[in-house]
C-alpha atoms as a PDB file:
ATOM      1  CA  MET A   1     -56.776  80.582 -72.345  1.00  0.00           C
ATOM      2  CA  LYS A   2     -58.676  83.485 -73.946  1.00  0.00           C
ATOM      3  CA  PHE A   3     -56.593  86.093 -72.126  1.00  0.00           C
ATOM      4  CA  GLY A   4     -54.804  88.285 -74.672  1.00  0.00           C
ATOM      5  CA  LYS A   5     -56.648  86.862 -77.679  1.00  0.00           C
ATOM      6  CA  VAL A   6     -56.521  88.987 -80.853  1.00  0.00           C
ATOM      7  CA  GLU A   7     -58.484  88.841 -84.086  1.00  0.00           C
ATOM      8  CA  ASN A   8     -55.500  89.243 -86.401  1.00  0.00           C
ATOM      9  CA  PRO A   9     -52.173  87.851 -85.142  1.00  0.00           C
ATOM     10  CA  ASP A  10     -50.455  89.081 -88.337  1.00  0.00           C
ATOM     11  CA  ASN A  11     -50.479  92.557 -86.799  1.00  0.00           C
ATOM     12  CA  ILE A  12     -48.569  91.533 -83.647  1.00  0.00           C
ATOM     13  CA  ASP A  13     -44.823  91.836 -83.119  1.00  0.00           C
ATOM     14  CA  PHE A  14     -43.990  88.559 -81.372  1.00  0.00           C
ATOM     15  CA  THR A  15     -40.321  89.352 -80.772  1.00  0.00           C
ATOM     16  CA  LEU A  16     -39.305  88.388 -77.255  1.00  0.00           C
ATOM     17  CA  PRO A  17     -38.028  91.332 -75.195  1.00  0.00           C
ATOM     18  CA  LYS A  18     -34.390  91.579 -74.217  1.00  0.00           C
ATOM     19  CA  ASP A  19     -33.440  90.049 -70.897  1.00  0.00           C
ATOM     20  CA  HIS A  20     -33.684  92.171 -67.795  1.00  0.00           C
ATOM     21  CA  PRO A  21     -30.178  92.573 -66.294  1.00  0.00           C
ATOM     22  CA  GLY A  22     -31.470  91.101 -63.040  1.00  0.00           C
ATOM     23  CA  THR A  23     -32.127  87.749 -64.698  1.00  0.00           C
ATOM     24  CA  LYS A  24     -28.467  87.049 -65.421  1.00  0.00           C
ATOM     25  CA  LYS A  25     -27.587  88.217 -61.917  1.00  0.00           C
ATOM     26  CA  ILE A  26     -30.055  85.768 -60.354  1.00  0.00           C
ATOM     27  CA  LEU A  27     -28.963  82.853 -62.534  1.00  0.00           C
ATOM     28  CA  SER A  28     -25.265  83.504 -61.920  1.00  0.00           C
ATOM     29  CA  LYS A  29     -25.787  82.403 -58.299  1.00  0.00           C
ATOM     30  CA  PHE A  30     -26.380  78.832 -59.471  1.00  0.00           C
ATOM     31  CA  LYS A  31     -24.050  76.316 -61.037  1.00  0.00           C
ATOM     32  CA  LYS A  32     -24.768  75.377 -64.614  1.00  0.00           C
ATOM     33  CA  SER A  33     -26.881  72.254 -64.383  1.00  0.00           C
ATOM     34  CA  GLY A  34     -26.257  70.716 -67.806  1.00  0.00           C
ATOM     35  CA  PHE A  35     -29.642  69.126 -68.348  1.00  0.00           C
ATOM     36  CA  PRO A  36     -32.411  71.249 -66.819  1.00  0.00           C
ATOM     37  CA  TYR A  37     -35.473  69.811 -65.133  1.00  0.00           C
ATOM     38  CA  LEU A  38     -37.992  70.165 -67.948  1.00  0.00           C
ATOM     39  CA  TYR A  39     -41.741  69.840 -67.515  1.00  0.00           C
ATOM     40  CA  VAL A  40     -44.067  70.545 -70.434  1.00  0.00           C
ATOM     41  CA  GLY A  41     -47.821  70.163 -70.480  1.00  0.00           C
ATOM     42  CA  CYS A  42     -51.245  71.475 -71.385  1.00  0.00           C
ATOM     43  CA  ALA A  43     -53.677  73.373 -69.181  1.00  0.00           C
ATOM     44  CA  LYS A  44     -56.310  70.622 -69.055  1.00  0.00           C
ATOM     45  CA  TRP A  45     -56.760  66.979 -69.907  1.00  0.00           C
ATOM     46  CA  ASN A  46     -60.444  66.756 -70.825  1.00  0.00           C
ATOM     47  CA  LYS A  47     -61.352  65.088 -74.099  1.00  0.00           C
ATOM     48  CA  ALA A  48     -63.851  67.790 -75.109  1.00  0.00           C
ATOM     49  CA  ASP A  49     -61.067  70.360 -75.502  1.00  0.00           C
ATOM     50  CA  LEU A  50     -58.180  68.175 -76.648  1.00  0.00           C
ATOM     51  CA  LYS A  51     -60.010  66.797 -79.667  1.00  0.00           C
ATOM     52  CA  GLY A  52     -57.996  64.353 -81.739  1.00  0.00           C
ATOM     53  CA  PHE A  53     -55.539  63.691 -78.934  1.00  0.00           C
ATOM     54  CA  TYR A  54     -57.125  60.656 -77.297  1.00  0.00           C
ATOM     55  CA  PRO A  55     -57.335  57.295 -79.070  1.00  0.00           C
ATOM     56  CA  ARG A  56     -60.834  56.012 -79.637  1.00  0.00           C
ATOM     57  CA  GLY A  57     -62.075  54.093 -76.629  1.00  0.00           C
ATOM     58  CA  THR A  58     -59.930  55.936 -74.075  1.00  0.00           C
ATOM     59  CA  LYS A  59     -61.670  55.371 -70.748  1.00  0.00           C
ATOM     60  CA  ASP A  60     -59.660  57.542 -68.396  1.00  0.00           C
ATOM     61  CA  GLU A  61     -58.322  60.770 -69.836  1.00  0.00           C
ATOM     62  CA  LEU A  62     -55.778  61.583 -67.103  1.00  0.00           C
ATOM     63  CA  THR A  63     -54.319  58.089 -67.177  1.00  0.00           C
ATOM     64  CA  TYR A  64     -53.708  58.347 -70.911  1.00  0.00           C
ATOM     65  CA  TYR A  65     -52.621  62.002 -70.793  1.00  0.00           C
ATOM     66  CA  SER A  66     -49.926  61.131 -68.244  1.00  0.00           C
ATOM     67  CA  THR A  67     -48.439  58.535 -70.621  1.00  0.00           C
ATOM     68  CA  GLN A  68     -47.865  61.317 -73.155  1.00  0.00           C
ATOM     69  CA  PHE A  69     -46.902  64.297 -70.985  1.00  0.00           C
ATOM     70  CA  ASN A  70     -44.890  64.575 -67.788  1.00  0.00           C
ATOM     71  CA  SER A  71     -46.972  67.401 -66.286  1.00  0.00           C
ATOM     72  CA  ILE A  72     -50.223  69.348 -66.270  1.00  0.00           C
ATOM     73  CA  GLU A  73     -50.909  72.996 -65.553  1.00  0.00           C
ATOM     74  CA  LEU A  74     -54.055  72.383 -63.583  1.00  0.00           C
ATOM     75  CA  ASN A  75     -56.510  75.237 -64.164  1.00  0.00           C
ATOM     76  CA  ALA A  76     -59.516  73.385 -62.739  1.00  0.00           C
ATOM     77  CA  THR A  77     -58.311  74.044 -59.184  1.00  0.00           C
ATOM     78  CA  PHE A  78     -58.912  77.764 -59.715  1.00  0.00           C
ATOM     79  CA  TYR A  79     -62.681  77.234 -59.757  1.00  0.00           C
ATOM     80  CA  ARG A  80     -63.131  74.999 -56.722  1.00  0.00           C
ATOM     81  CA  ILE A  81     -61.245  73.363 -53.883  1.00  0.00           C
ATOM     82  CA  PHE A  82     -61.294  69.695 -54.782  1.00  0.00           C
ATOM     83  CA  PRO A  83     -61.650  67.121 -51.985  1.00  0.00           C
ATOM     84  CA  ALA A  84     -58.546  65.415 -50.682  1.00  0.00           C
ATOM     85  CA  GLU A  85     -59.794  62.142 -52.205  1.00  0.00           C
ATOM     86  CA  THR A  86     -59.797  63.687 -55.684  1.00  0.00           C
ATOM     87  CA  PHE A  87     -56.174  64.781 -55.416  1.00  0.00           C
ATOM     88  CA  ALA A  88     -55.271  61.343 -54.068  1.00  0.00           C
ATOM     89  CA  GLY A  89     -57.017  59.740 -57.036  1.00  0.00           C
ATOM     90  CA  TRP A  90     -55.041  61.892 -59.465  1.00  0.00           C
ATOM     91  CA  TYR A  91     -51.875  60.843 -57.690  1.00  0.00           C
ATOM     92  CA  ASP A  92     -52.722  57.164 -58.091  1.00  0.00           C
ATOM     93  CA  LYS A  93     -53.526  57.481 -61.808  1.00  0.00           C
ATOM     94  CA  THR A  94     -50.216  59.021 -62.843  1.00  0.00           C
ATOM     95  CA  PRO A  95     -46.651  57.706 -63.188  1.00  0.00           C
ATOM     96  CA  ASP A  96     -43.984  58.325 -60.564  1.00  0.00           C
ATOM     97  CA  ASP A  97     -42.303  61.050 -62.592  1.00  0.00           C
ATOM     98  CA  PHE A  98     -45.495  62.982 -63.387  1.00  0.00           C
ATOM     99  CA  ARG A  99     -45.941  66.432 -61.808  1.00  0.00           C
ATOM    100  CA  PHE A 100     -48.905  68.747 -61.125  1.00  0.00           C
ATOM    101  CA  PHE A 101     -48.815  72.564 -61.243  1.00  0.00           C
ATOM    102  CA  PRO A 102     -52.249  73.556 -59.879  1.00  0.00           C
ATOM    103  CA  LYS A 103     -53.582  77.104 -59.933  1.00  0.00           C
ATOM    104  CA  LEU A 104     -54.502  78.476 -56.522  1.00  0.00           C
ATOM    105  CA  TYR A 105     -58.214  78.801 -55.813  1.00  0.00           C
ATOM    106  CA  GLN A 106     -59.926  82.022 -56.912  1.00  0.00           C
ATOM    107  CA  GLY A 107     -61.224  82.589 -53.393  1.00  0.00           C
ATOM    108  CA  ILE A 108     -57.628  83.338 -52.394  1.00  0.00           C
ATOM    109  CA  SER A 109     -56.587  85.466 -55.362  1.00  0.00           C
ATOM    110  CA  HIS A 110     -59.753  87.146 -56.606  1.00  0.00           C
ATOM    111  CA  TRP A 111     -62.310  87.155 -53.796  1.00  0.00           C
ATOM    112  CA  LYS A 112     -60.067  87.713 -50.772  1.00  0.00           C
ATOM    113  CA  ARG A 113     -57.291  89.324 -52.834  1.00  0.00           C
ATOM    114  CA  LEU A 114     -54.620  87.764 -50.582  1.00  0.00           C
ATOM    115  CA  GLN A 115     -56.095  89.158 -47.353  1.00  0.00           C
ATOM    116  CA  ASP A 116     -57.859  87.242 -44.566  1.00  0.00           C
ATOM    117  CA  CYS A 117     -57.530  84.075 -46.619  1.00  0.00           C
ATOM    118  CA  GLU A 118     -55.478  81.846 -44.346  1.00  0.00           C
ATOM    119  CA  ASP A 119     -58.313  79.388 -43.673  1.00  0.00           C
ATOM    120  CA  ILE A 120     -59.083  78.977 -47.394  1.00  0.00           C
ATOM    121  CA  LEU A 121     -55.393  78.727 -48.226  1.00  0.00           C
ATOM    122  CA  ASN A 122     -54.834  76.059 -45.580  1.00  0.00           C
ATOM    123  CA  GLU A 123     -57.794  74.006 -46.814  1.00  0.00           C
ATOM    124  CA  TYR A 124     -56.520  74.203 -50.387  1.00  0.00           C
ATOM    125  CA  ILE A 125     -52.967  73.210 -49.449  1.00  0.00           C
ATOM    126  CA  LEU A 126     -54.114  70.445 -47.106  1.00  0.00           C
ATOM    127  CA  ASN A 127     -56.174  68.830 -49.852  1.00  0.00           C
ATOM    128  CA  ALA A 128     -53.601  69.395 -52.595  1.00  0.00           C
ATOM    129  CA  SER A 129     -50.910  67.848 -50.383  1.00  0.00           C
ATOM    130  CA  ASN A 130     -52.429  64.494 -51.294  1.00  0.00           C
ATOM    131  CA  LEU A 131     -50.495  64.849 -54.546  1.00  0.00           C
ATOM    132  CA  LYS A 132     -47.431  64.264 -52.338  1.00  0.00           C
ATOM    133  CA  GLU A 133     -44.160  64.573 -54.259  1.00  0.00           C
ATOM    134  CA  LYS A 134     -46.104  65.071 -57.503  1.00  0.00           C
ATOM    135  CA  LEU A 135     -47.142  68.550 -56.345  1.00  0.00           C
ATOM    136  CA  GLU A 136     -44.339  70.445 -58.041  1.00  0.00           C
ATOM    137  CA  MET A 137     -45.205  74.169 -58.047  1.00  0.00           C
ATOM    138  CA  PRO A 138     -48.632  75.725 -57.554  1.00  0.00           C
ATOM    139  CA  PHE A 139     -49.163  79.100 -59.171  1.00  0.00           C
ATOM    140  CA  LEU A 140     -51.106  82.181 -58.235  1.00  0.00           C
ATOM    141  CA  GLN A 141     -52.819  84.260 -60.907  1.00  0.00           C
ATOM    142  CA  LEU A 142     -53.816  87.706 -59.685  1.00  0.00           C
ATOM    143  CA  PRO A 143     -56.737  89.654 -61.171  1.00  0.00           C
ATOM    144  CA  GLN A 144     -56.059  92.403 -63.699  1.00  0.00           C
ATOM    145  CA  ASN A 145     -57.075  95.104 -61.224  1.00  0.00           C
ATOM    146  CA  PHE A 146     -54.637  93.897 -58.565  1.00  0.00           C
ATOM    147  CA  ALA A 147     -52.341  96.893 -58.980  1.00  0.00           C
ATOM    148  CA  PRO A 148     -49.098  98.098 -57.362  1.00  0.00           C
ATOM    149  CA  LYS A 149     -51.169  99.947 -54.758  1.00  0.00           C
ATOM    150  CA  ASN A 150     -51.762  96.429 -53.346  1.00  0.00           C
ATOM    151  CA  MET A 151     -48.050  95.623 -53.045  1.00  0.00           C
ATOM    152  CA  ASP A 152     -48.232  95.638 -49.254  1.00  0.00           C
ATOM    153  CA  ARG A 153     -50.415  92.502 -49.430  1.00  0.00           C
ATOM    154  CA  LEU A 154     -47.692  90.358 -50.982  1.00  0.00           C
ATOM    155  CA  GLU A 155     -45.293  89.768 -48.100  1.00  0.00           C
ATOM    156  CA  PRO A 156     -47.979  88.963 -45.500  1.00  0.00           C
ATOM    157  CA  PHE A 157     -49.436  86.447 -47.948  1.00  0.00           C
ATOM    158  CA  PHE A 158     -46.073  84.839 -48.664  1.00  0.00           C
ATOM    159  CA  LYS A 159     -45.575  84.447 -44.916  1.00  0.00           C
ATOM    160  CA  MET A 160     -48.838  82.463 -44.721  1.00  0.00           C
ATOM    161  CA  LEU A 161     -47.405  79.803 -47.021  1.00  0.00           C
ATOM    162  CA  PRO A 162     -45.808  76.637 -45.618  1.00  0.00           C
ATOM    163  CA  LYS A 163     -42.041  76.700 -46.037  1.00  0.00           C
ATOM    164  CA  ASP A 164     -42.151  73.865 -48.555  1.00  0.00           C
ATOM    165  CA  ILE A 165     -44.690  75.645 -50.811  1.00  0.00           C
ATOM    166  CA  LYS A 166     -43.119  78.267 -53.068  1.00  0.00           C
ATOM    167  CA  PRO A 167     -45.571  79.164 -55.840  1.00  0.00           C
ATOM    168  CA  ALA A 168     -45.092  81.019 -59.072  1.00  0.00           C
ATOM    169  CA  ILE A 169     -47.089  84.230 -59.285  1.00  0.00           C
ATOM    170  CA  GLU A 170     -48.612  85.917 -62.335  1.00  0.00           C
ATOM    171  CA  PHE A 171     -49.319  89.647 -62.363  1.00  0.00           C
ATOM    172  CA  ARG A 172     -51.767  91.070 -64.905  1.00  0.00           C
ATOM    173  CA  HIS A 173     -51.587  94.807 -64.245  1.00  0.00           C
ATOM    174  CA  THR A 174     -49.141  96.483 -66.604  1.00  0.00           C
ATOM    175  CA  ASP A 175     -47.625  98.817 -63.988  1.00  0.00           C
ATOM    176  CA  TRP A 176     -45.968  95.909 -62.178  1.00  0.00           C
ATOM    177  CA  PHE A 177     -43.488  95.647 -65.035  1.00  0.00           C
ATOM    178  CA  ASN A 178     -43.591  98.990 -66.835  1.00  0.00           C
ATOM    179  CA  ASP A 179     -43.067 101.341 -63.894  1.00  0.00           C
ATOM    180  CA  GLU A 180     -39.362 100.988 -63.093  1.00  0.00           C
ATOM    181  CA  ASP A 181     -39.650 101.872 -59.393  1.00  0.00           C
ATOM    182  CA  VAL A 182     -42.593  99.528 -58.870  1.00  0.00           C
ATOM    183  CA  ALA A 183     -40.878  96.703 -60.740  1.00  0.00           C
ATOM    184  CA  GLY A 184     -37.724  97.065 -58.663  1.00  0.00           C
ATOM    185  CA  GLY A 185     -39.699  96.819 -55.432  1.00  0.00           C
ATOM    186  CA  LEU A 186     -41.633  93.826 -56.703  1.00  0.00           C
ATOM    187  CA  TYR A 187     -38.533  91.914 -57.778  1.00  0.00           C
ATOM    188  CA  ASN A 188     -36.904  92.502 -54.395  1.00  0.00           C
ATOM    189  CA  ILE A 189     -39.919  91.049 -52.599  1.00  0.00           C
ATOM    190  CA  LEU A 190     -40.119  88.004 -54.894  1.00  0.00           C
ATOM    191  CA  GLU A 191     -36.404  87.287 -54.549  1.00  0.00           C
ATOM    192  CA  LYS A 192     -36.535  87.700 -50.768  1.00  0.00           C
ATOM    193  CA  HIS A 193     -39.289  85.095 -50.480  1.00  0.00           C
ATOM    194  CA  ASN A 194     -38.007  82.808 -53.262  1.00  0.00           C
ATOM    195  CA  ILE A 195     -41.156  83.296 -55.345  1.00  0.00           C
ATOM    196  CA  THR A 196     -41.001  82.599 -59.078  1.00  0.00           C
ATOM    197  CA  ASN A 197     -42.087  85.442 -61.364  1.00  0.00           C
ATOM    198  CA  ALA A 198     -44.331  83.704 -63.910  1.00  0.00           C
ATOM    199  CA  ILE A 199     -44.055  84.739 -67.565  1.00  0.00           C
ATOM    200  CA  VAL A 200     -47.132  84.995 -69.786  1.00  0.00           C
ATOM    201  CA  ASP A 201     -46.610  85.116 -73.555  1.00  0.00           C
ATOM    202  CA  THR A 202     -49.903  85.975 -75.233  1.00  0.00           C
ATOM    203  CA  ALA A 203     -50.686  87.932 -78.380  1.00  0.00           C
ATOM    204  CA  GLY A 204     -52.795  90.775 -77.052  1.00  0.00           C
ATOM    205  CA  ARG A 205     -50.878  91.624 -73.885  1.00  0.00           C
ATOM    206  CA  ARG A 206     -47.286  92.221 -74.961  1.00  0.00           C
ATOM    207  CA  ASP A 207     -47.138  94.891 -72.243  1.00  0.00           C
ATOM    208  CA  LEU A 208     -47.049  92.072 -69.679  1.00  0.00           C
ATOM    209  CA  LEU A 209     -44.309  90.042 -71.338  1.00  0.00           C
ATOM    210  CA  HIS A 210     -41.212  90.444 -69.187  1.00  0.00           C
ATOM    211  CA  MET A 211     -37.885  88.624 -69.097  1.00  0.00           C
ATOM    212  CA  ARG A 212     -37.184  89.002 -65.391  1.00  0.00           C
ATOM    213  CA  LEU A 213     -36.586  85.809 -63.443  1.00  0.00           C
ATOM    214  CA  THR A 214     -36.565  85.967 -59.652  1.00  0.00           C
ATOM    215  CA  THR A 215     -35.557  82.339 -59.014  1.00  0.00           C
ATOM    216  CA  PRO A 216     -33.626  79.783 -61.114  1.00  0.00           C
ATOM    217  CA  THR A 217     -36.989  78.578 -62.470  1.00  0.00           C
ATOM    218  CA  ALA A 218     -38.683  79.719 -65.687  1.00  0.00           C
ATOM    219  CA  PHE A 219     -42.438  79.225 -65.312  1.00  0.00           C
ATOM    220  CA  ILE A 220     -43.886  80.096 -68.728  1.00  0.00           C
ATOM    221  CA  ARG A 221     -47.546  80.171 -69.731  1.00  0.00           C
ATOM    222  CA  TYR A 222     -47.492  80.266 -73.518  1.00  0.00           C
ATOM    223  CA  ASN A 223     -50.717  81.145 -75.310  1.00  0.00           C
ATOM    224  CA  GLY A 224     -50.655  80.407 -79.025  1.00  0.00           C
ATOM    225  CA  ALA A 225     -52.835  82.267 -81.485  1.00  0.00           C
ATOM    226  CA  ASN A 226     -53.829  79.320 -83.725  1.00  0.00           C
ATOM    227  CA  HIS A 227     -51.621  80.978 -86.316  1.00  0.00           C
ATOM    228  CA  GLU A 228     -48.510  80.057 -88.281  1.00  0.00           C
ATOM    229  CA  SER A 229     -46.462  82.260 -85.938  1.00  0.00           C
ATOM    230  CA  ASP A 230     -47.075  79.793 -83.090  1.00  0.00           C
ATOM    231  CA  TYR A 231     -44.238  77.529 -84.208  1.00  0.00           C
ATOM    232  CA  THR A 232     -41.644  80.282 -84.710  1.00  0.00           C
ATOM    233  CA  ARG A 233     -42.588  81.779 -81.340  1.00  0.00           C
ATOM    234  CA  LEU A 234     -41.843  78.434 -79.711  1.00  0.00           C
ATOM    235  CA  ASP A 235     -38.506  78.269 -81.546  1.00  0.00           C
ATOM    236  CA  ASP A 236     -37.666  81.696 -80.135  1.00  0.00           C
ATOM    237  CA  TRP A 237     -38.377  80.387 -76.650  1.00  0.00           C
ATOM    238  CA  ILE A 238     -35.996  77.495 -77.209  1.00  0.00           C
ATOM    239  CA  ASP A 239     -33.263  80.012 -78.058  1.00  0.00           C
ATOM    240  CA  ARG A 240     -33.977  82.132 -74.990  1.00  0.00           C
ATOM    241  CA  LEU A 241     -34.128  79.167 -72.634  1.00  0.00           C
ATOM    242  CA  GLU A 242     -30.833  77.870 -73.983  1.00  0.00           C
ATOM    243  CA  THR A 243     -29.246  81.203 -73.058  1.00  0.00           C
ATOM    244  CA  TRP A 244     -30.695  80.989 -69.556  1.00  0.00           C
ATOM    245  CA  ILE A 245     -29.476  77.399 -69.125  1.00  0.00           C
ATOM    246  CA  GLU A 246     -25.977  78.577 -69.995  1.00  0.00           C
ATOM    247  CA  GLN A 247     -26.335  81.236 -67.296  1.00  0.00           C
ATOM    248  CA  GLY A 248     -27.512  78.825 -64.582  1.00  0.00           C
ATOM    249  CA  LEU A 249     -31.238  78.101 -65.114  1.00  0.00           C
ATOM    250  CA  GLN A 250     -32.249  74.977 -63.174  1.00  0.00           C
ATOM    251  CA  ASN A 251     -35.925  74.366 -64.027  1.00  0.00           C
ATOM    252  CA  ILE A 252     -38.168  74.918 -67.050  1.00  0.00           C
ATOM    253  CA  TYR A 253     -41.919  74.674 -66.542  1.00  0.00           C
ATOM    254  CA  PHE A 254     -43.568  75.353 -69.902  1.00  0.00           C
ATOM    255  CA  PHE A 255     -47.332  75.146 -70.409  1.00  0.00           C
ATOM    256  CA  VAL A 256     -49.060  75.500 -73.754  1.00  0.00           C
ATOM    257  CA  HIS A 257     -52.479  77.086 -74.188  1.00  0.00           C
ATOM    258  CA  GLN A 258     -54.454  77.759 -77.335  1.00  0.00           C
ATOM    259  CA  ASN A 259     -57.629  79.688 -78.038  1.00  0.00           C
ATOM    260  CA  THR A 260     -58.670  76.450 -79.729  1.00  0.00           C
ATOM    261  CA  GLU A 261     -57.190  73.971 -77.261  1.00  0.00           C
ATOM    262  CA  LYS A 262     -57.106  70.996 -79.607  1.00  0.00           C
ATOM    263  CA  ALA A 263     -53.880  72.446 -81.030  1.00  0.00           C
ATOM    264  CA  SER A 264     -52.120  72.469 -77.637  1.00  0.00           C
ATOM    265  CA  PRO A 265     -50.733  68.896 -77.914  1.00  0.00           C
ATOM    266  CA  LEU A 266     -49.436  69.672 -81.422  1.00  0.00           C
ATOM    267  CA  LEU A 267     -47.566  72.736 -80.266  1.00  0.00           C
ATOM    268  CA  SER A 268     -46.342  70.934 -77.160  1.00  0.00           C
ATOM    269  CA  ALA A 269     -44.943  68.133 -79.304  1.00  0.00           C
ATOM    270  CA  HIS A 270     -43.084  70.682 -81.435  1.00  0.00           C
ATOM    271  CA  PHE A 271     -41.622  72.358 -78.351  1.00  0.00           C
ATOM    272  CA  ILE A 272     -40.591  69.068 -76.723  1.00  0.00           C
ATOM    273  CA  LYS A 273     -38.892  67.821 -79.889  1.00  0.00           C
ATOM    274  CA  LYS A 274     -36.882  71.046 -80.192  1.00  0.00           C
ATOM    275  CA  ALA A 275     -36.053  71.047 -76.473  1.00  0.00           C
ATOM    276  CA  ASN A 276     -34.787  67.464 -76.548  1.00  0.00           C
ATOM    277  CA  GLU A 277     -32.550  68.299 -79.494  1.00  0.00           C
ATOM    278  CA  ARG A 278     -31.182  71.501 -77.979  1.00  0.00           C
ATOM    279  CA  PHE A 279     -31.054  70.809 -74.250  1.00  0.00           C
ATOM    280  CA  GLY A 280     -30.178  67.110 -74.254  1.00  0.00           C
ATOM    281  CA  THR A 281     -33.387  66.179 -72.445  1.00  0.00           C
ATOM    282  CA  ASN A 282     -35.324  63.031 -73.256  1.00  0.00           C
ATOM    283  CA  LEU A 283     -39.005  63.827 -72.840  1.00  0.00           C
ATOM    284  CA  ASN A 284     -41.624  61.758 -74.587  1.00  0.00           C
ATOM    285  CA  ILE A 285     -43.001  63.445 -77.710  1.00  0.00           C
ATOM    286  CA  PRO A 286     -46.810  63.197 -77.459  1.00  0.00           C
ATOM    287  CA  ASN A 287     -48.695  61.179 -80.044  1.00  0.00           C
ATOM    288  CA  MET A 288     -51.856  62.393 -81.732  1.00  0.00           C
ATOM    289  CA  ASP A 289     -54.619  59.922 -82.531  1.00  0.00           C
ATOM    290  CA  LYS A 290     -55.351  62.059 -85.591  1.00  0.00           C
ATOM    291  CA  PRO A 291     -52.049  63.753 -86.457  1.00  0.00           C
ATOM    292  CA  ASP A 292     -52.325  67.022 -88.273  1.00  0.00           C
ATOM    293  CA  THR A 293     -50.661  70.396 -88.492  1.00  0.00           C
ATOM    294  CA  LEU A 294     -52.240  73.651 -87.470  1.00  0.00           C
ATOM    295  CA  PHE A 295     -52.242  75.109 -90.940  1.00  0.00           C
END
């Protein structure tokens, strides 16, 4: 994910912001779950990007990937609506406990901008439904110029969604979070419709990094900088998530991106190891065919 890439990460303050008061209020409505549902994955499974991850001779990348990770943030579905047979094939290749988090098609978010898109949305959901119970939470990434002036498009779009589809949504215009009146209106709408407010942690867009949950789910898109700070940033997330678990967080969906994606499995392994130690979870720690560190 190139979004928010910077030339010199040493110049960035990576401190996580303080929690928004509304986050504790939301989480307090839920009983402490003990062990959270934890899904960690990369954004893609192709061998060309995840160099050094696949053993020599690997014939099917998804089949192997799903032995190492329990989920995938599926970015490929942003660029096209895959046929139902493709989704069904992905279902068959993966274990029972594997989960998909596909991005909604760009025709919905960027071309139609949430309006007059019901036919496209229905086609996408119909095909993706072939993932069955492995379709965990789709997510919607809005374009950077989708601003608060478009707020009136949100509720009609949410009403188009089937009742069993509650996506996460990512906003990329700074005023959604940094104008207090706008943010308050947005959070009310997301809470009303049980829509998860996705969190993006990337170097060059700290203005978009918020700590406001609208459901008991933390959907985090973490973009490392291929820099030594990547590990300490992940450690900071472990601390923050532990606080949220104590307050009532139920689900953690954490997806690792890198400007150079071959490092994503390395960072994911670090995060999973720390999470297992801290949260009492028991996720597999991915192997690397050619183990190495980033630095």
